[in-house]
């Protein structure tokens, strides 16, 4: 299991990209499954968010709040690649 402290949206994007790739999914496949546009998913993976997402991370930073993500880079069944 991997732990990562999330201090900015770019950190979330890195996790999403790594988990998606580990499962062998394209951006288009994941976006379709989630009901997002591929452009939105690409922006998220690159750490470019909406005004609301950016405000959230600015608020957390101002209050000294860190988020930590725990994740595994396996497929949807939990198998490691």
Protein backbone atom coordinates (compact mmCIF):
# COMPACT_ATOMS: atom_id res chain seq x y z
CA UNK A 1 0.00 0.00 0.00
CA UNK A 2 1.23 3.45 -0.89
CA UNK A 3 0.72 6.54 1.27
CA UNK A 4 0.89 10.06 -0.11
CA UNK A 5 0.27 13.35 1.64
CA UNK A 6 -2.00 15.46 -0.55
CA UNK A 7 -1.26 19.14 -0.32
CA UNK A 8 -2.43 20.28 -3.76
CA UNK A 9 -4.64 19.17 -6.58
CA UNK A 10 -1.59 18.01 -8.53
CA UNK A 11 -1.06 15.33 -5.86
CA UNK A 12 -4.59 14.00 -6.43
CA UNK A 13 -3.98 13.97 -10.16
CA UNK A 14 -0.84 11.88 -9.75
CA UNK A 15 -2.76 9.28 -7.71
CA UNK A 16 -5.61 9.14 -10.22
CA UNK A 17 -3.19 8.74 -13.13
CA UNK A 18 -1.12 6.03 -11.42
CA UNK A 19 -4.19 4.04 -10.34
CA UNK A 20 -5.80 4.34 -13.78
CA UNK A 21 -2.64 3.20 -15.56
CA UNK A 22 -2.11 0.34 -13.11
CA UNK A 23 -5.56 -0.94 -14.01
CA UNK A 24 -4.76 -0.68 -17.71
CA UNK A 25 -7.45 1.92 -18.38
CA UNK A 26 -7.24 4.77 -20.85
CA UNK A 27 -8.44 8.22 -19.88
CA UNK A 28 -11.37 7.78 -22.25
CA UNK A 29 -12.40 4.46 -20.66
CA UNK A 30 -12.28 5.81 -17.10
CA UNK A 31 -14.00 9.05 -18.04
CA UNK A 32 -16.78 7.12 -19.76
CA UNK A 33 -17.24 4.87 -16.71
CA UNK A 34 -17.45 7.91 -14.42
CA UNK A 35 -19.62 10.00 -16.71
CA UNK A 36 -16.91 12.67 -17.09
CA UNK A 37 -15.45 14.10 -20.26
CA UNK A 38 -11.96 12.92 -21.15
CA UNK A 39 -10.86 16.58 -21.12
CA UNK A 40 -11.95 16.95 -17.49
CA UNK A 41 -10.11 13.78 -16.47
CA UNK A 42 -6.97 14.91 -18.32
CA UNK A 43 -7.13 18.28 -16.53
CA UNK A 44 -7.58 16.53 -13.18
CA UNK A 45 -4.58 14.26 -13.80
CA UNK A 46 -2.50 17.32 -14.72
CA UNK A 47 -3.49 19.08 -11.51
CA UNK A 48 -5.60 21.72 -13.22
CA UNK A 49 -8.90 21.91 -11.44
CA UNK A 50 -11.96 24.03 -11.33
CA UNK A 51 -12.16 27.15 -9.24
CA UNK A 52 -13.99 25.18 -6.52
CA UNK A 53 -11.27 22.52 -6.33
CA UNK A 54 -8.52 25.11 -6.21
CA UNK A 55 -10.33 27.02 -3.45
CA UNK A 56 -10.69 23.80 -1.45
CA UNK A 57 -6.94 23.17 -1.49
CA UNK A 58 -6.16 26.82 -0.71
CA UNK A 59 -8.53 26.61 2.29
CA UNK A 60 -6.95 23.37 3.52
CA UNK A 61 -3.44 24.83 3.19
CA UNK A 62 -4.44 28.00 5.02
CA UNK A 63 -5.83 25.95 7.91
CA UNK A 64 -2.79 23.65 8.02
CA UNK A 65 -4.82 20.58 7.04
CA UNK A 66 -3.08 17.76 5.15
CA UNK A 67 -4.94 14.91 3.48
CA UNK A 68 -3.39 11.46 3.20
CA UNK A 69 -4.34 8.93 0.56
CA UNK A 70 -3.79 5.20 1.02
CA UNK A 71 -3.98 3.23 -2.20
CA UNK A 72 -2.72 0.17 -4.00
CA UNK A 73 -1.66 0.14 -7.61
CA UNK A 74 -3.37 -3.08 -8.62
CA UNK A 75 -6.26 -3.82 -10.95
CA UNK A 76 -9.88 -3.49 -9.86
CA UNK A 77 -9.71 -6.95 -8.25
CA UNK A 78 -6.73 -5.92 -6.14
CA UNK A 79 -4.14 -7.89 -8.13
CA UNK A 80 -0.74 -6.23 -8.30
CA UNK A 81 0.83 -5.81 -11.75
